[in-house]
N, C-alpha and C. Protein backbone atom coordinates (compact mmCIF):
# COMPACT_ATOMS: atom_id res chain seq x y z
N MET A 1 65.66 -27.22 -110.61
CA MET A 1 66.42 -28.45 -110.26
C MET A 1 65.56 -29.66 -110.62
N LYS A 2 66.04 -30.50 -111.34
CA LYS A 2 65.33 -31.74 -111.59
C LYS A 2 65.85 -32.93 -110.67
N GLY A 3 65.07 -34.03 -110.72
CA GLY A 3 65.57 -35.19 -109.97
C GLY A 3 64.40 -35.76 -109.09
N LEU A 4 64.79 -36.82 -108.49
CA LEU A 4 63.73 -37.50 -107.58
C LEU A 4 63.49 -36.60 -106.36
N PRO A 5 62.26 -36.59 -105.91
CA PRO A 5 61.92 -35.71 -104.76
C PRO A 5 62.83 -36.02 -103.53
N GLU A 6 63.11 -37.33 -103.34
CA GLU A 6 63.94 -37.66 -102.15
C GLU A 6 65.38 -37.08 -102.30
N GLU A 7 65.82 -37.11 -103.50
CA GLU A 7 67.26 -36.62 -103.72
C GLU A 7 67.24 -35.09 -103.56
N ARG A 8 66.20 -34.47 -104.03
CA ARG A 8 66.08 -32.94 -103.87
C ARG A 8 66.00 -32.65 -102.42
N ALA A 9 65.22 -33.37 -101.65
CA ALA A 9 65.02 -33.07 -100.19
C ALA A 9 66.33 -33.17 -99.47
N ILE A 10 67.12 -34.25 -99.73
CA ILE A 10 68.38 -34.50 -99.23
C ILE A 10 69.36 -33.29 -99.57
N THR A 11 69.35 -32.96 -100.81
CA THR A 11 70.23 -31.79 -101.23
C THR A 11 69.94 -30.56 -100.51
N PHE A 12 68.66 -30.18 -100.41
CA PHE A 12 68.27 -28.97 -99.71
C PHE A 12 68.58 -29.07 -98.24
N ALA A 13 68.37 -30.17 -97.65
CA ALA A 13 68.61 -30.40 -96.16
C ALA A 13 70.07 -30.24 -95.97
N HIS A 14 70.88 -30.83 -96.75
CA HIS A 14 72.37 -30.68 -96.55
C HIS A 14 72.76 -29.29 -96.68
N TYR A 15 72.33 -28.54 -97.68
CA TYR A 15 72.65 -27.18 -97.89
C TYR A 15 72.28 -26.33 -96.69
N ILE A 16 71.07 -26.50 -96.16
CA ILE A 16 70.54 -25.73 -95.00
C ILE A 16 71.37 -26.02 -93.77
N ILE A 17 71.75 -27.26 -93.56
CA ILE A 17 72.51 -27.63 -92.37
C ILE A 17 73.96 -27.16 -92.47
N GLU A 18 74.55 -27.38 -93.64
CA GLU A 18 76.01 -26.98 -93.81
C GLU A 18 76.25 -25.61 -93.79
N HIS A 19 75.26 -24.74 -94.33
CA HIS A 19 75.45 -23.33 -94.52
C HIS A 19 74.70 -22.57 -93.37
N HIS A 20 73.94 -23.27 -92.49
CA HIS A 20 73.22 -22.61 -91.41
C HIS A 20 72.25 -21.51 -92.06
N THR A 21 71.53 -21.84 -93.05
CA THR A 21 70.78 -20.86 -93.78
C THR A 21 69.28 -21.17 -93.62
N THR A 22 68.50 -20.31 -94.21
CA THR A 22 67.07 -20.37 -94.12
C THR A 22 66.58 -20.96 -95.46
N VAL A 23 65.17 -21.24 -95.45
CA VAL A 23 64.51 -21.78 -96.59
C VAL A 23 64.60 -20.73 -97.73
N ARG A 24 64.38 -19.47 -97.38
CA ARG A 24 64.47 -18.37 -98.32
C ARG A 24 65.84 -18.30 -99.08
N ALA A 25 66.92 -18.40 -98.21
CA ALA A 25 68.27 -18.29 -98.80
C ALA A 25 68.57 -19.56 -99.71
N THR A 26 68.03 -20.69 -99.24
CA THR A 26 68.23 -21.94 -99.99
C THR A 26 67.55 -21.78 -101.34
N ALA A 27 66.36 -21.30 -101.29
CA ALA A 27 65.59 -21.12 -102.54
C ALA A 27 66.39 -20.17 -103.58
N LYS A 28 66.90 -19.11 -102.98
CA LYS A 28 67.65 -18.20 -103.82
C LYS A 28 68.88 -18.84 -104.43
N GLU A 29 69.57 -19.66 -103.61
CA GLU A 29 70.74 -20.33 -104.14
C GLU A 29 70.37 -21.28 -105.28
N PHE A 30 69.21 -22.00 -105.15
CA PHE A 30 68.97 -23.00 -106.18
C PHE A 30 67.98 -22.40 -107.21
N HIS A 31 67.69 -21.04 -107.18
CA HIS A 31 66.88 -20.47 -108.17
C HIS A 31 65.44 -21.04 -108.28
N ILE A 32 64.93 -21.31 -107.12
CA ILE A 32 63.53 -21.82 -107.10
C ILE A 32 62.73 -21.01 -105.97
N SER A 33 61.43 -21.19 -105.92
CA SER A 33 60.68 -20.47 -104.91
C SER A 33 60.83 -21.06 -103.54
N LYS A 34 60.64 -20.27 -102.52
CA LYS A 34 60.80 -20.82 -101.15
C LYS A 34 59.71 -21.75 -100.82
N SER A 35 58.51 -21.64 -101.54
CA SER A 35 57.43 -22.57 -101.33
C SER A 35 57.86 -23.93 -101.88
N THR A 36 58.59 -23.98 -102.92
CA THR A 36 59.01 -25.28 -103.44
C THR A 36 60.02 -25.94 -102.46
N VAL A 37 60.96 -25.18 -101.95
CA VAL A 37 61.88 -25.76 -100.88
C VAL A 37 61.07 -26.29 -99.70
N HIS A 38 60.21 -25.56 -99.24
CA HIS A 38 59.47 -25.93 -98.06
C HIS A 38 58.67 -27.16 -98.39
N MET A 39 57.98 -27.21 -99.52
CA MET A 39 57.21 -28.35 -99.98
C MET A 39 57.95 -29.61 -100.03
N VAL A 40 59.16 -29.52 -100.70
CA VAL A 40 60.00 -30.70 -100.85
C VAL A 40 60.58 -31.19 -99.44
N ILE A 41 60.90 -30.34 -98.61
CA ILE A 41 61.52 -30.73 -97.32
C ILE A 41 60.41 -31.32 -96.36
N VAL A 42 59.21 -30.72 -96.43
CA VAL A 42 58.14 -31.18 -95.48
C VAL A 42 57.62 -32.54 -95.91
N LYS A 43 57.56 -32.76 -97.19
CA LYS A 43 57.07 -34.09 -97.69
C LYS A 43 58.12 -35.12 -97.58
């Protein structure tokens, strides 16, 4: 997934909140590593 880090963080956060899911499930949905999801959300 490309784009600005802020936009990616918002996208991931919305997905997690709307689907009541985990970082691991979010990573699987977006085809990226869970470390990447965690890094983007924490920063």
